[in-house]
Amino acid sequence: MKNLNEINIIRAIMCLSIVVTHSISNYLRNVEVDQAAYDQYILWLRFALLCSTPIFILLSETLLSKNYPNGLKNGFFLKRIKYILLPYILIGLIVSYRGSDKDFSSFIEVAFQKVVLGQWYGFFVIVIFQFYILHWLIGKYLARVNPLGPILISFAISFAHVYCFVHVNFYQNLILTDYPLWYKTHIFMWLFYFIVAFYIGQYYEQLITFLTDKIWVPVLMTLISFGIIMYNYLEMDYTRISSERYDMLLYSVSMFFLLVALIRKFNYDNQTLVMISNFSFFIYLTHMVFLPYFAKLSMTFGDNFFAYVAIMAFLTISSCIGVAFLLYQSGLTRHFTGKIKYLEPAASNKASFDKRSQNVNYEQ
């Protein structure tokens, strides 16, 4: 399977971005912020980083579509259950216990809400499994039709779904009461990303060639789409700070295009990011377990915004990677991490190690 450097780098950047996003949220809870300064840069930064989870989810279907153009292999779902769903359940149970009253009945109630209904930041795993099922059911049909139709239809569905959820009380109540899982997992919210990612994977090299040759296209798309977000926030009073915004659909795809084009065009490589990319799934699942504990420690360096966020992100990423390394040493505790190729048994020579360390488990 071809190693795509830009996918490694983007996955790592999105992983860092989500940790930084939650570090910023933690900063705002613990530090009294000057409103003028907040509006000046923190707000803009938060909105710029909101594309992290959508792009991370988009990557999963892009790789799936690219690597399995003729249908899924036997054992596909069993492998995903072992390496993705099982860590989701195990980490979800830990998060549930922390959020419960520490008695059995409370734990079971919280665990049902989080692990089964997806009411926690690990909800993206439920979305990804919906993508797997959709790819299995309709992938062959999508590959036969012109991409423009499905892309436009899916955009209309996703946009209308999120818009109505925000602005139409009846529809919002319908989703909150009748949809069995957490509202953030609803497939209508993510359908556009699935369709776009499917066709990105189908036409990957042609698309990347076009984007790198005409770099101004993704640059302009990103600037316009981000401008729409800020206009809606500042002028239209659409103040929701969440990746599930209807104006986030175009921005997330545009940012993905821009990052892919820049990394491919300038042949950017960074072994630290490649390493982080290997751990990204575990970091996504566990970063909020560690992050709150570093709040007081970060404050010892002062309440400077950039210092606080940088220290919080560094400590959180380091803790996640360190714990993943320790858990991976045992076949029993390895179920918490999923498969991490970076930590597979070392080869007998350095050349094999260097080659292995550059590979990300695209099966995830």
Protein backbone atom coordinates (compact mmCIF):
# COMPACT_ATOMS: atom_id res chain seq x y z
CA MET A 1 0.00 0.00 0.00
CA LYS A 2 1.48 3.29 -1.08
CA ASN A 3 2.75 5.51 1.68
CA LEU A 4 1.23 8.98 1.24
CA ASN A 5 3.36 11.51 3.05
CA GLU A 6 0.74 14.24 2.88
CA ILE A 7 -1.80 11.99 4.61
CA ASN A 8 0.67 11.33 7.42
CA ILE A 9 1.33 15.03 7.86
CA ILE A 10 -2.31 16.13 7.67
CA ARG A 11 -3.44 13.49 10.14
CA ALA A 12 -0.78 14.66 12.60
CA ILE A 13 -1.69 18.33 12.08
CA MET A 14 -5.37 17.62 12.70
CA CYS A 15 -4.49 15.65 15.81
CA LEU A 16 -2.40 18.54 17.14
CA SER A 17 -5.14 20.98 16.19
CA ILE A 18 -7.82 19.19 18.18
CA VAL A 19 -5.55 19.09 21.25
CA VAL A 20 -4.80 22.80 20.81
CA THR A 21 -8.54 23.51 20.43
CA HIS A 22 -9.34 21.83 23.72
CA SER A 23 -6.32 23.50 25.35
CA ILE A 24 -7.77 26.86 24.31
CA SER A 25 -11.16 25.90 25.77
CA ASN A 26 -9.41 24.94 29.00
CA TYR A 27 -7.55 28.24 29.01
CA LEU A 28 -10.80 30.18 28.68
CA ARG A 29 -12.27 28.27 31.63
CA ASN A 30 -9.30 28.91 33.88
CA VAL A 31 -8.06 32.37 32.90
CA GLU A 32 -9.96 35.65 32.95
CA VAL A 33 -9.63 36.82 29.38
CA ASP A 34 -9.64 40.41 28.19
CA GLN A 35 -12.56 40.58 25.76
CA ALA A 36 -10.78 42.84 23.28
CA ALA A 37 -7.78 40.54 23.14
CA TYR A 38 -10.06 37.53 22.91
CA ASP A 39 -11.85 38.94 19.88
CA GLN A 40 -8.55 39.90 18.34
CA TYR A 41 -6.87 36.52 17.97
CA ILE A 42 -8.18 33.72 20.16
CA LEU A 43 -11.61 33.66 18.52
CA TRP A 44 -10.17 33.62 15.01
CA LEU A 45 -7.78 30.84 15.95
CA ARG A 46 -10.55 28.74 17.45
CA PHE A 47 -12.66 28.99 14.31
CA ALA A 48 -9.67 28.23 12.10
CA LEU A 49 -9.05 24.99 14.02
CA LEU A 50 -12.65 23.77 14.03
CA CYS A 51 -12.04 21.85 10.81
CA SER A 52 -9.85 19.34 12.68
CA THR A 53 -12.42 16.65 13.44
CA PRO A 54 -14.19 16.87 10.03
CA ILE A 55 -10.86 16.52 8.22
CA PHE A 56 -9.81 13.62 10.45
CA ILE A 57 -13.08 11.87 9.61
CA LEU A 58 -12.77 12.82 5.93
CA LEU A 59 -9.31 11.22 5.83
CA SER A 60 -10.73 7.85 6.83
CA GLU A 61 -13.06 7.62 3.83
CA THR A 62 -10.48 9.11 1.46
CA LEU A 63 -8.05 6.33 2.33
CA LEU A 64 -10.79 3.71 2.23
CA SER A 65 -11.91 4.78 -1.23
CA LYS A 66 -8.37 5.01 -2.54
CA ASN A 67 -7.16 1.71 -1.11
CA TYR A 68 -10.29 -0.35 -1.81
CA PRO A 69 -11.56 0.89 -5.19
CA ASN A 70 -13.08 -2.50 -6.07
CA GLY A 71 -14.87 -3.26 -2.81
CA LEU A 72 -13.94 -4.17 0.74
CA LYS A 73 -11.88 -7.25 1.52
CA ASN A 74 -13.00 -10.20 3.60
CA GLY A 75 -12.47 -9.56 7.29
CA PHE A 76 -12.61 -5.79 6.83
CA PHE A 77 -15.21 -5.15 9.53
CA LEU A 78 -13.72 -7.67 11.95
CA LYS A 79 -10.39 -5.89 11.73
CA ARG A 80 -12.00 -2.49 12.35
CA ILE A 81 -13.91 -3.84 15.33
CA LYS A 82 -10.67 -5.11 16.83
CA TYR A 83 -8.46 -2.09 16.17
CA ILE A 84 -10.96 0.81 16.25
CA LEU A 85 -14.23 -0.12 17.95
CA LEU A 86 -12.65 -2.03 20.84
CA PRO A 87 -10.33 0.85 21.85
CA TYR A 88 -13.35 3.18 21.54
CA ILE A 89 -15.29 1.00 23.99
CA LEU A 90 -12.42 0.55 26.47
CA ILE A 91 -11.40 4.21 26.55
CA GLY A 92 -15.06 5.17 26.61
CA LEU A 93 -15.55 3.08 29.74
CA ILE A 94 -12.65 4.90 31.42
CA VAL A 95 -14.13 8.27 30.46
CA SER A 96 -17.53 7.07 31.70
CA TYR A 97 -16.15 6.08 35.08
CA ARG A 98 -14.50 9.47 35.48
CA GLY A 99 -17.82 11.14 34.67
CA SER A 100 -19.91 8.98 36.98
CA ASP A 101 -20.57 9.14 40.72
CA LYS A 102 -18.18 6.18 41.12
CA ASP A 103 -20.95 3.73 41.96
CA PHE A 104 -22.08 0.88 39.72
CA SER A 105 -25.53 2.18 38.75
CA SER A 106 -24.18 5.63 37.91
CA PHE A 107 -21.32 4.10 35.92
CA ILE A 108 -23.68 1.93 33.87
CA GLU A 109 -25.92 4.91 33.11
CA VAL A 110 -23.03 7.14 32.05
CA ALA A 111 -21.39 4.32 30.07
CA PHE A 112 -24.60 3.75 28.13
CA GLN A 113 -24.85 7.44 27.28
CA LYS A 114 -21.24 7.75 26.22
CA VAL A 115 -20.22 4.41 24.75
CA VAL A 116 -23.53 3.31 23.24
CA LEU A 117 -25.12 6.67 22.36
CA GLY A 118 -21.81 8.37 21.57
CA GLN A 119 -22.24 11.35 23.90
CA TRP A 120 -18.53 12.14 24.21
CA TYR A 121 -15.69 13.45 22.10
CA GLY A 122 -15.03 9.92 20.78
CA PHE A 123 -18.26 10.11 18.77
CA PHE A 124 -16.19 10.33 15.58
CA VAL A 125 -15.68 6.55 15.74
CA ILE A 126 -19.44 6.03 15.32
CA VAL A 127 -19.37 8.38 12.34
CA ILE A 128 -16.44 6.50 10.79
CA PHE A 129 -18.24 3.17 11.17
CA GLN A 130 -21.26 4.67 9.42
CA PHE A 131 -18.88 5.62 6.61
CA TYR A 132 -17.64 2.01 6.46
CA ILE A 133 -21.21 0.74 6.15
CA LEU A 134 -22.12 3.32 3.50
CA HIS A 135 -18.98 2.50 1.52
CA TRP A 136 -19.87 -1.19 1.67
CA LEU A 137 -23.48 -0.58 0.64
CA ILE A 138 -23.23 2.10 -2.07
CA GLY A 139 -19.53 2.46 -2.92
CA LYS A 140 -19.77 0.44 -6.14
CA TYR A 141 -22.75 2.50 -7.29
CA LEU A 142 -21.11 5.85 -6.49
CA ALA A 143 -18.03 4.84 -8.49
CA ARG A 144 -20.17 4.48 -11.62
CA VAL A 145 -21.82 7.90 -11.63
CA ASN A 146 -20.63 11.42 -12.26
CA PRO A 147 -19.37 12.87 -8.96
CA LEU A 148 -21.09 16.24 -9.38
CA GLY A 149 -24.61 14.94 -8.72
CA PRO A 150 -23.90 13.05 -5.46
CA ILE A 151 -21.69 15.90 -4.19
CA LEU A 152 -24.37 18.54 -4.75
CA ILE A 153 -27.16 16.38 -3.33
CA SER A 154 -25.13 15.43 -0.25
CA PHE A 155 -24.16 19.05 0.34
CA ALA A 156 -27.83 20.08 0.19
CA ILE A 157 -28.76 17.32 2.66
CA SER A 158 -25.96 18.07 5.14
CA PHE A 159 -26.42 21.84 4.92
CA ALA A 160 -30.20 21.60 5.34
CA HIS A 161 -29.86 19.18 8.24
CA VAL A 162 -27.46 21.35 10.23
CA TYR A 163 -29.23 24.59 9.33
CA CYS A 164 -32.60 23.26 10.41
CA PHE A 165 -31.12 21.79 13.58
CA VAL A 166 -29.82 25.24 14.51
CA HIS A 167 -32.73 27.41 13.36
CA VAL A 168 -35.87 25.23 13.30
CA ASN A 169 -37.02 24.24 16.77
CA PHE A 170 -39.34 21.50 15.54
CA TYR A 171 -36.55 19.77 13.62
CA GLN A 172 -34.11 20.15 16.50
CA ASN A 173 -36.58 18.59 18.92
CA LEU A 174 -37.26 15.80 16.43
CA ILE A 175 -33.56 14.90 16.25
CA LEU A 176 -32.99 15.21 19.98
CA THR A 177 -36.00 13.07 20.90
CA ASP A 178 -36.35 10.55 18.06
CA TYR A 179 -32.80 9.96 16.88
CA PRO A 180 -31.45 7.19 19.14
CA LEU A 181 -27.79 8.27 19.25
CA TRP A 182 -26.15 11.59 20.08
CA TYR A 183 -27.16 14.24 17.57
CA LYS A 184 -23.54 14.80 16.49
CA THR A 185 -23.37 11.29 15.05
CA HIS A 186 -26.31 11.74 12.67
CA ILE A 187 -25.22 10.64 9.19
CA PHE A 188 -26.98 13.58 7.51
CA MET A 189 -24.52 15.86 9.27
CA TRP A 190 -21.56 13.99 7.76
CA LEU A 191 -22.97 12.80 4.43
CA PHE A 192 -21.29 15.56 2.44
CA TYR A 193 -17.90 14.66 3.89
CA PHE A 194 -18.46 11.00 3.03
CA ILE A 195 -19.35 11.69 -0.60
CA VAL A 196 -16.54 14.20 -1.12
CA ALA A 197 -14.00 11.92 0.55
CA PHE A 198 -15.18 8.97 -1.54
CA TYR A 199 -14.52 10.83 -4.77
CA ILE A 200 -11.25 12.30 -3.49
CA GLY A 201 -10.06 8.74 -3.00
CA GLN A 202 -11.33 7.66 -6.41
CA TYR A 203 -9.58 10.50 -8.24
CA TYR A 204 -6.79 11.18 -5.76
CA GLU A 205 -3.77 11.68 -8.01
CA GLN A 206 -5.68 13.60 -10.67
CA LEU A 207 -7.13 15.91 -8.02
CA ILE A 208 -3.81 16.49 -6.28
CA THR A 209 -2.13 17.24 -9.59
CA PHE A 210 -4.79 19.85 -10.36
CA LEU A 211 -4.55 21.44 -6.89
CA THR A 212 -0.76 21.63 -6.93
CA ASP A 213 -0.70 23.09 -10.45
CA LYS A 214 -3.35 25.67 -9.55
CA ILE A 215 -2.54 26.33 -5.91
CA TRP A 216 -4.54 29.56 -6.01
CA VAL A 217 -7.77 27.51 -6.20
CA PRO A 218 -7.55 25.91 -2.72
CA VAL A 219 -6.09 29.14 -1.31
CA LEU A 220 -9.06 31.15 -2.60
CA MET A 221 -11.55 28.47 -1.51
CA THR A 222 -10.13 28.48 2.00
CA LEU A 223 -10.11 32.26 2.34
CA ILE A 224 -13.67 32.64 1.03
CA SER A 225 -15.10 29.80 3.14
CA PHE A 226 -13.37 31.03 6.29
CA GLY A 227 -14.58 34.56 5.53
CA ILE A 228 -18.14 33.24 5.38
CA ILE A 229 -17.73 31.66 8.82
CA MET A 230 -16.45 34.87 10.37
CA TYR A 231 -19.15 36.93 8.62
CA ASN A 232 -21.84 34.62 10.01
CA TYR A 233 -20.33 34.95 13.48
CA LEU A 234 -19.77 38.71 13.49
CA GLU A 235 -22.72 39.91 11.41
CA MET A 236 -25.34 37.14 11.45
CA ASP A 237 -24.99 36.24 15.14
CA TYR A 238 -24.24 32.57 14.36
CA THR A 239 -22.03 32.20 17.43
CA ARG A 240 -21.89 28.41 17.78
CA ILE A 241 -18.23 27.40 18.22
CA SER A 242 -18.34 23.82 17.02
CA SER A 243 -17.21 21.76 14.04
CA GLU A 244 -20.88 20.89 13.40
CA ARG A 245 -21.67 24.24 11.75
CA TYR A 246 -23.31 24.40 8.34
CA ASP A 247 -20.71 26.92 7.14
CA MET A 248 -17.94 24.52 8.23
CA LEU A 249 -18.71 22.10 5.38
CA LEU A 250 -16.94 24.05 2.64
CA TYR A 251 -14.19 25.34 4.91
CA SER A 252 -13.16 21.86 6.07
CA VAL A 253 -12.96 20.50 2.53
CA SER A 254 -11.14 23.61 1.32
CA MET A 255 -8.60 23.40 4.13
CA PHE A 256 -8.01 19.74 3.35
CA PHE A 257 -7.40 20.59 -0.31
CA LEU A 258 -5.04 23.40 0.67
CA LEU A 259 -2.98 21.25 3.05
CA VAL A 260 -2.69 18.39 0.57
CA ALA A 261 -1.64 20.76 -2.21
CA LEU A 262 0.95 22.60 -0.10
CA ILE A 263 2.52 19.45 1.33
CA ARG A 264 2.70 17.74 -2.07
CA LYS A 265 3.88 20.85 -3.91
CA PHE A 266 6.73 21.60 -1.52
CA ASN A 267 7.41 17.93 -0.71
CA TYR A 268 7.19 18.70 3.00
CA ASP A 269 8.27 15.98 5.39
CA ASN A 270 8.67 15.94 9.17
CA GLN A 271 9.49 12.79 11.10
CA THR A 272 8.01 14.14 14.34
CA LEU A 273 4.67 14.64 12.62
CA VAL A 274 4.94 11.22 11.01
CA MET A 275 5.44 9.72 14.46
CA ILE A 276 2.49 11.65 15.92
CA SER A 277 0.36 10.48 13.00
CA ASN A 278 0.98 6.88 14.04
CA PHE A 279 -0.41 7.66 17.50
CA SER A 280 -3.19 9.97 16.31
CA PHE A 281 -6.12 7.62 16.91
CA PHE A 282 -5.10 6.94 20.51
CA ILE A 283 -4.39 10.64 21.07
CA TYR A 284 -7.85 11.53 19.81
CA LEU A 285 -9.47 9.05 22.19
CA THR A 286 -7.43 9.88 25.31
CA HIS A 287 -6.27 13.50 25.16
CA MET A 288 -9.21 14.76 27.21
CA VAL A 289 -8.36 12.24 29.93
CA PHE A 290 -4.96 13.86 30.47
CA LEU A 291 -5.47 17.48 29.47
CA PRO A 292 -7.45 18.74 32.52
CA TYR A 293 -4.75 17.57 34.91
CA PHE A 294 -2.16 19.88 33.37
CA ALA A 295 -4.15 23.09 33.93
CA LYS A 296 -2.49 24.06 37.21
CA LEU A 297 0.95 23.04 35.99
CA SER A 298 0.58 25.21 32.90
CA MET A 299 -0.48 28.16 35.04
CA THR A 300 2.91 28.05 36.81
CA PHE A 301 4.35 29.46 33.58
CA GLY A 302 2.00 32.44 33.76
CA ASP A 303 -1.36 33.13 32.14
CA ASN A 304 0.08 34.06 28.73
CA PHE A 305 -2.25 32.54 26.18
CA PHE A 306 0.33 31.13 23.79
CA ALA A 307 2.57 29.75 26.53
CA TYR A 308 -0.40 28.13 28.29
CA VAL A 309 -1.78 26.50 25.15
CA ALA A 310 1.63 25.33 23.91
CA ILE A 311 2.52 23.76 27.27
CA MET A 312 -0.89 22.12 27.64
CA ALA A 313 -0.72 20.67 24.14
CA PHE A 314 2.87 19.45 24.58
CA LEU A 315 2.19 17.77 27.91
CA THR A 316 -1.02 16.18 26.66
CA ILE A 317 0.50 14.82 23.45
CA SER A 318 3.53 13.53 25.34
CA SER A 319 1.36 11.80 27.94
CA CYS A 320 -0.83 10.14 25.33
CA ILE A 321 2.17 8.83 23.41
CA GLY A 322 3.92 7.68 26.59
CA VAL A 323 0.87 5.79 27.84
CA ALA A 324 0.30 4.26 24.39
CA PHE A 325 3.91 3.04 24.40
CA LEU A 326 3.47 1.40 27.82
CA LEU A 327 0.12 -0.17 26.96
CA TYR A 328 1.49 -1.56 23.72
CA GLN A 329 4.02 -3.71 25.55
CA SER A 330 1.35 -6.22 26.58
CA GLY A 331 -1.02 -8.11 24.33
CA LEU A 332 -3.79 -7.56 26.88
CA THR A 333 -3.47 -3.78 27.30
CA ARG A 334 -2.79 -3.34 23.58
CA HIS A 335 -6.54 -3.57 23.04
CA PHE A 336 -6.75 -0.02 24.46
CA THR A 337 -4.56 1.45 21.72
CA GLY A 338 -5.48 -0.33 18.53
CA LYS A 339 -2.67 -1.20 16.14
CA ILE A 340 0.25 1.26 16.10
CA LYS A 341 2.79 0.36 13.46
CA TYR A 342 5.38 2.64 14.99
CA LEU A 343 5.44 0.33 18.01
CA GLU A 344 5.50 -2.96 16.16
CA PRO A 345 8.43 -5.27 17.09
CA ALA A 346 11.71 -3.62 16.11
CA ALA A 347 13.49 -4.83 13.01
CA SER A 348 16.99 -6.16 13.26
CA ASN A 349 18.56 -3.18 11.56
CA LYS A 350 18.13 0.57 11.58
CA ALA A 351 17.10 0.78 7.93
CA SER A 352 14.09 -1.42 8.60
CA PHE A 353 13.22 0.69 11.65
CA ASP A 354 13.40 3.92 9.68
CA LYS A 355 11.19 2.52 6.98
CA ARG A 356 8.66 1.20 9.49
CA SER A 357 8.51 4.45 11.42
CA GLN A 358 7.35 6.32 8.32
CA ASN A 359 4.34 4.09 7.83
CA VAL A 360 0.94 4.81 9.29
CA ASN A 361 -1.61 2.10 9.79
CA TYR A 362 -3.87 3.03 6.88
CA GLU A 363 -6.03 0.04 7.76
CA GLN A 364 -7.39 2.28 10.56
